[in-house]
Amino acid sequence: MGHSGDTMINIARDFSRAPAGRYVTDGPNSGERFRDQILIPALNKKDTITLELDGTRGYGSSFLEEAFGGLKRAGWAAVDLISRIKFRTVDPSLVSEIHSYWR
């Protein structure tokens, strides 16, 4: 159980085991849909977000860039994103890639 103000999102369970594509037009499990339907509502609640990245079949760069880079383009400050979104994964290179989209 997280304390209030903490949102836990397990991408494989809460979104898709096969996240893929950049835009909604690329398919139902796109980075755009994940950002707009899951990430932004959680950020708007002013919560700290813990994202469980493991359990999917993998991530394409187009999904990650649209989901996470798209937050910066939508006006979220990198410093806020880094302080409010934490990641759980056995693959630290995923976190490095996501952080690179916030620079």
C-alpha atoms as a PDB file:
ATOM      1  CA  MET A   1       0.000   0.000   0.000  1.00  0.00           C
ATOM      2  CA  GLY A   2       1.379   3.393  -0.953  1.00  0.00           C
ATOM      3  CA  HIS A   3       0.672   6.394   1.219  1.00  0.00           C
ATOM      4  CA  SER A   4      -1.861   8.896  -0.053  1.00  0.00           C
ATOM      5  CA  GLY A   5      -0.390  11.008  -2.790  1.00  0.00           C
ATOM      6  CA  ASP A   6       1.380   8.023  -4.348  1.00  0.00           C
ATOM      7  CA  THR A   7       0.018   6.391  -7.495  1.00  0.00           C
ATOM      8  CA  MET A   8       1.337   2.959  -8.460  1.00  0.00           C
ATOM      9  CA  ILE A   9       1.014   2.116 -12.147  1.00  0.00           C
ATOM     10  CA  ASN A  10       1.987  -1.311 -13.438  1.00  0.00           C
ATOM     11  CA  ILE A  11       2.172  -0.844 -17.203  1.00  0.00           C
ATOM     12  CA  ALA A  12       1.702  -4.543 -18.038  1.00  0.00           C
ATOM     13  CA  ARG A  13      -1.333  -4.865 -15.744  1.00  0.00           C
ATOM     14  CA  ASP A  14      -2.895  -1.407 -16.000  1.00  0.00           C
ATOM     15  CA  PHE A  15      -2.210  -0.626 -19.667  1.00  0.00           C
ATOM     16  CA  SER A  16      -0.836  -3.378 -21.905  1.00  0.00           C
ATOM     17  CA  ARG A  17       1.648  -6.245 -21.961  1.00  0.00           C
ATOM     18  CA  ALA A  18       2.528  -5.105 -25.495  1.00  0.00           C
ATOM     19  CA  PRO A  19       2.955  -1.315 -25.469  1.00  0.00           C
ATOM     20  CA  ALA A  20       3.832  -0.229 -28.993  1.00  0.00           C
ATOM     21  CA  GLY A  21       3.655   2.661 -31.382  1.00  0.00           C
ATOM     22  CA  ARG A  22       3.787   6.389 -31.045  1.00  0.00           C
ATOM     23  CA  TYR A  23       0.286   7.602 -31.918  1.00  0.00           C
ATOM     24  CA  VAL A  24      -3.238   6.319 -31.332  1.00  0.00           C
ATOM     25  CA  THR A  25      -3.372   5.741 -35.096  1.00  0.00           C
ATOM     26  CA  ASP A  26      -0.511   3.229 -34.680  1.00  0.00           C
ATOM     27  CA  GLY A  27      -2.651   0.982 -32.496  1.00  0.00           C
ATOM     28  CA  PRO A  28      -4.491   0.752 -29.183  1.00  0.00           C
ATOM     29  CA  ASN A  29      -1.385   0.453 -26.986  1.00  0.00           C
ATOM     30  CA  SER A  30       0.405   3.587 -28.174  1.00  0.00           C
ATOM     31  CA  GLY A  31       2.574   5.971 -26.212  1.00  0.00           C
ATOM     32  CA  GLU A  32       0.090   8.744 -26.952  1.00  0.00           C
ATOM     33  CA  ARG A  33      -2.793   6.839 -25.345  1.00  0.00           C
ATOM     34  CA  PHE A  34      -0.680   5.825 -22.326  1.00  0.00           C
ATOM     35  CA  ARG A  35       0.388   9.453 -21.804  1.00  0.00           C
ATOM     36  CA  ASP A  36      -3.078  10.952 -22.262  1.00  0.00           C
ATOM     37  CA  GLN A  37      -5.156   8.334 -20.425  1.00  0.00           C
ATOM     38  CA  ILE A  38      -2.803   7.229 -17.647  1.00  0.00           C
ATOM     39  CA  LEU A  39       0.218   9.483 -17.093  1.00  0.00           C
ATOM     40  CA  ILE A  40      -1.375  12.935 -17.387  1.00  0.00           C
ATOM     41  CA  PRO A  41      -4.387  12.132 -15.138  1.00  0.00           C
ATOM     42  CA  ALA A  42      -1.973  10.804 -12.482  1.00  0.00           C
ATOM     43  CA  LEU A  43       0.239  13.903 -12.780  1.00  0.00           C
ATOM     44  CA  ASN A  44      -2.824  16.142 -12.554  1.00  0.00           C
ATOM     45  CA  LYS A  45      -3.663  14.572  -9.173  1.00  0.00           C
ATOM     46  CA  LYS A  46      -0.345  16.031  -7.957  1.00  0.00           C
ATOM     47  CA  ASP A  47       0.705  12.550  -6.864  1.00  0.00           C
ATOM     48  CA  THR A  48       4.100  10.962  -6.897  1.00  0.00           C
ATOM     49  CA  ILE A  49       3.944   8.162  -9.447  1.00  0.00           C
ATOM     50  CA  THR A  50       5.725   4.840  -9.261  1.00  0.00           C
ATOM     51  CA  LEU A  51       5.811   3.132 -12.652  1.00  0.00           C
ATOM     52  CA  GLU A  52       6.462  -0.606 -12.794  1.00  0.00           C
ATOM     53  CA  LEU A  53       8.070  -1.127 -16.207  1.00  0.00           C
ATOM     54  CA  ASP A  54       8.658  -4.879 -16.014  1.00  0.00           C
ATOM     55  CA  GLY A  55       6.243  -7.534 -17.252  1.00  0.00           C
ATOM     56  CA  THR A  56       5.700  -6.218 -20.770  1.00  0.00           C
ATOM     57  CA  ARG A  57       7.099  -7.719 -23.963  1.00  0.00           C
ATOM     58  CA  GLY A  58       9.411  -4.717 -24.257  1.00  0.00           C
ATOM     59  CA  TYR A  59       9.236  -1.087 -25.272  1.00  0.00           C
ATOM     60  CA  GLY A  60       9.931   0.566 -28.573  1.00  0.00           C
ATOM     61  CA  SER A  61      11.629   3.938 -28.578  1.00  0.00           C
ATOM     62  CA  SER A  62       8.628   5.449 -30.361  1.00  0.00           C
ATOM     63  CA  PHE A  63       6.320   4.404 -27.495  1.00  0.00           C
ATOM     64  CA  LEU A  64       8.699   5.703 -24.811  1.00  0.00           C
ATOM     65  CA  GLU A  65       9.480   8.964 -26.585  1.00  0.00           C
ATOM     66  CA  GLU A  66       5.825   9.791 -27.202  1.00  0.00           C
ATOM     67  CA  ALA A  67       4.676   8.762 -23.710  1.00  0.00           C
ATOM     68  CA  PHE A  68       7.453  10.487 -21.788  1.00  0.00           C
ATOM     69  CA  GLY A  69       8.977  13.031 -24.205  1.00  0.00           C
ATOM     70  CA  GLY A  70       5.415  14.082 -24.952  1.00  0.00           C
ATOM     71  CA  LEU A  71       5.004  15.169 -21.325  1.00  0.00           C
ATOM     72  CA  LYS A  72       7.781  17.705 -21.753  1.00  0.00           C
ATOM     73  CA  ARG A  73       6.279  18.956 -25.030  1.00  0.00           C
ATOM     74  CA  ALA A  74       2.939  19.293 -23.233  1.00  0.00           C
ATOM     75  CA  GLY A  75       4.544  21.740 -20.816  1.00  0.00           C
ATOM     76  CA  TRP A  76       5.652  19.609 -17.869  1.00  0.00           C
ATOM     77  CA  ALA A  77       9.035  20.703 -16.525  1.00  0.00           C
ATOM     78  CA  ALA A  78      11.763  18.061 -16.583  1.00  0.00           C
ATOM     79  CA  VAL A  79      12.665  18.779 -12.944  1.00  0.00           C
ATOM     80  CA  ASP A  80       9.057  18.079 -11.901  1.00  0.00           C
ATOM     81  CA  LEU A  81       8.866  14.885 -13.933  1.00  0.00           C
ATOM     82  CA  ILE A  82      12.134  13.579 -12.507  1.00  0.00           C
ATOM     83  CA  SER A  83      11.049  14.312  -8.942  1.00  0.00           C
ATOM     84  CA  ARG A  84       7.505  12.955  -9.299  1.00  0.00           C
ATOM     85  CA  ILE A  85       7.882   9.856 -11.487  1.00  0.00           C
ATOM     86  CA  LYS A  86       9.856   6.949 -10.067  1.00  0.00           C
ATOM     87  CA  PHE A  87      10.557   3.733 -11.947  1.00  0.00           C
ATOM     88  CA  ARG A  88      10.760   0.099 -10.914  1.00  0.00           C
ATOM     89  CA  THR A  89      12.535  -2.165 -13.390  1.00  0.00           C
ATOM     90  CA  VAL A  90      15.316  -4.714 -13.691  1.00  0.00           C
ATOM     91  CA  ASP A  91      16.504  -2.788 -16.785  1.00  0.00           C
ATOM     92  CA  PRO A  92      18.138   0.521 -15.797  1.00  0.00           C
ATOM     93  CA  SER A  93      18.735   1.378 -19.472  1.00  0.00           C
ATOM     94  CA  LEU A  94      14.970   1.965 -19.808  1.00  0.00           C
ATOM     95  CA  VAL A  95      15.088   4.628 -17.111  1.00  0.00           C
ATOM     96  CA  SER A  96      18.125   6.248 -18.748  1.00  0.00           C
ATOM     97  CA  GLU A  97      16.288   6.337 -22.078  1.00  0.00           C
ATOM     98  CA  ILE A  98      13.182   7.897 -20.515  1.00  0.00           C
ATOM     99  CA  HIS A  99      15.253  10.497 -18.660  1.00  0.00           C
ATOM    100  CA  SER A 100      17.019  11.378 -21.928  1.00  0.00           C
ATOM    101  CA  TYR A 101      13.655  12.523 -23.350  1.00  0.00           C
ATOM    102  CA  TRP A 102      13.318  15.022 -20.487  1.00  0.00           C
ATOM    103  CA  ARG A 103      16.652  16.787 -21.078  1.00  0.00           C
END
